[in-house]
Protein backbone atom coordinates (compact mmCIF):
# COMPACT_ATOMS: atom_id res chain seq x y z
CA MET A 1 2.55 -15.05 54.38
CA ALA A 2 3.65 -18.39 52.96
CA ALA A 3 6.53 -18.46 50.50
CA THR A 4 5.66 -19.70 47.05
CA SER A 5 7.92 -20.92 44.29
CA LYS A 6 7.15 -20.12 40.68
CA LEU A 7 8.83 -21.85 37.79
CA PRO A 8 9.29 -19.56 34.79
CA VAL A 9 7.21 -20.61 31.78
CA ALA A 10 10.29 -20.41 29.55
CA HIS A 11 12.01 -23.03 31.74
CA MET A 12 9.00 -25.35 31.60
CA ASP A 13 8.71 -24.95 27.82
CA LYS A 14 12.42 -25.69 27.35
CA GLN A 15 12.09 -28.86 29.46
CA LEU A 16 8.95 -29.98 27.60
CA HIS A 17 10.50 -29.35 24.20
CA ALA A 18 13.64 -31.31 25.12
CA GLU A 19 11.45 -34.27 26.10
CA ARG A 20 9.20 -34.04 23.02
CA VAL A 21 11.78 -34.10 20.23
CA ASP A 22 15.40 -35.16 19.87
CA ARG A 23 18.18 -33.17 18.18
CA ALA A 24 17.15 -34.56 14.78
CA GLY A 25 13.58 -33.32 15.34
CA ASP A 26 12.12 -36.82 15.82
CA LYS A 27 9.40 -37.57 18.41
CA VAL A 28 10.79 -38.89 21.69
CA THR A 29 8.95 -41.78 23.33
CA TYR A 30 9.86 -44.09 26.17
CA SER A 31 8.82 -47.56 27.27
CA ALA A 32 6.68 -47.82 30.38
CA GLN A 33 4.45 -50.33 32.10
CA PHE A 34 0.70 -49.77 32.10
CA GLN A 35 0.66 -49.72 35.91
CA HIS A 36 3.04 -46.75 36.03
CA LEU A 37 1.10 -44.47 33.70
CA PRO A 38 -1.79 -42.30 34.95
CA PRO A 39 -5.14 -41.76 33.25
CA GLY A 40 -4.76 -39.11 30.57
CA THR A 41 -1.48 -40.46 29.18
CA LEU A 42 -1.13 -40.90 25.44
CA VAL A 43 0.58 -44.16 24.46
CA GLU A 44 1.40 -46.13 21.34
CA LEU A 45 0.32 -49.75 20.97
CA GLU A 46 0.83 -51.78 17.83
CA GLY A 47 1.68 -48.59 15.94
CA ALA A 48 -1.50 -46.74 16.91
CA PRO A 49 -2.08 -43.90 19.43
CA TYR A 50 -4.31 -44.54 22.45
CA LEU A 51 -5.42 -42.53 25.46
CA LEU A 52 -5.41 -44.25 28.85
CA TRP A 53 -8.75 -43.18 30.29
CA ASP A 54 -11.75 -44.47 32.20
CA GLU A 55 -10.30 -47.95 32.86
CA GLY A 56 -9.56 -48.60 29.22
CA LEU A 57 -7.70 -47.59 26.11
CA TRP A 58 -9.29 -45.11 23.74
CA ARG A 59 -8.04 -45.17 20.14
CA TRP A 60 -7.28 -41.70 18.82
CA SER A 61 -8.24 -40.51 15.35
CA HIS A 62 -8.81 -37.12 13.75
CA HIS A 63 -12.51 -37.60 14.59
CA GLY A 64 -11.91 -38.08 18.32
CA TYR A 65 -11.52 -41.07 20.59
CA SER A 66 -13.26 -44.43 20.56
CA LYS A 67 -13.04 -46.93 23.39
CA SER A 68 -11.57 -49.95 21.73
CA ARG A 69 -9.61 -51.92 24.29
CA PRO A 70 -10.06 -52.86 27.93
CA ALA A 71 -7.34 -52.05 30.42
CA LEU A 72 -4.16 -54.07 29.98
CA PRO A 73 -2.38 -56.20 32.58
CA PRO A 74 -0.37 -53.99 34.96
CA SER A 75 2.97 -55.23 33.60
CA ALA A 76 2.07 -54.64 29.92
CA ALA A 77 4.73 -52.54 28.20
CA MET A 78 3.92 -49.69 25.83
CA ASN A 79 5.52 -46.57 24.41
CA ALA A 80 4.48 -43.42 26.22
CA LEU A 81 3.88 -40.56 23.78
CA ALA A 82 3.51 -38.00 26.57
CA SER A 83 6.80 -36.77 27.95
CA ALA A 84 8.05 -38.04 31.30
CA TYR A 85 7.69 -34.47 32.59
CA VAL A 86 3.98 -34.36 31.71
CA VAL A 87 3.37 -37.83 33.17
CA ALA A 88 5.06 -36.73 36.40
CA ILE A 89 2.80 -33.66 36.62
CA VAL A 90 -0.30 -35.86 36.24
CA LEU A 91 1.03 -38.29 38.86
CA LEU A 92 1.41 -35.33 41.23
CA GLY A 93 -2.30 -34.57 40.96
CA PHE A 94 -2.90 -32.53 37.80
CA LYS A 95 -6.26 -33.55 36.32
CA PRO A 96 -6.12 -33.53 32.52
CA GLN A 97 -9.18 -32.62 30.51
CA VAL A 98 -10.06 -34.86 27.59
CA HIS A 99 -12.03 -34.46 24.41
CA GLU A 100 -15.76 -35.11 24.84
CA SER A 101 -15.47 -38.27 22.73
CA ALA A 102 -13.39 -39.87 25.51
CA ARG A 103 -16.06 -38.98 28.07
CA SER A 104 -18.81 -40.74 26.15
CA SER A 105 -19.44 -44.46 26.51
CA GLN A 106 -19.80 -44.64 22.74
CA GLY A 107 -16.74 -42.57 21.90
CA ALA A 108 -16.26 -40.45 18.80
CA ALA A 109 -19.48 -41.55 17.11
CA ALA A 110 -21.54 -40.12 19.98
CA ALA A 111 -19.45 -36.92 20.09
CA VAL A 112 -19.82 -36.36 16.35
CA LEU A 113 -23.55 -37.01 16.52
CA SER A 114 -24.01 -34.63 19.43
CA SER A 115 -22.16 -31.71 17.81
């Protein structure tokens, strides 16, 4: 029988919380290059939230995602909204699920119309 290692959920939650907010309760972000962030990462560009997905940037709104920008040059810098811990998990092979509006070529408009 192979040995397995399980990380307690409380430990993971503590790590995630520490990377999400600082001691003052403010959102923690960090600067990263486009080439070092996997699909499924939430980033901030020009003050707006975007999802890196399907070879492009999908603008987030309360109505869903809309594909609004092509992929950026690999060296383009942006603020990662997802914690470094979450990004590392995705880089290790975790496949994030995304809202249906990010899976549609027409984005949120198609998702709203289909619901």
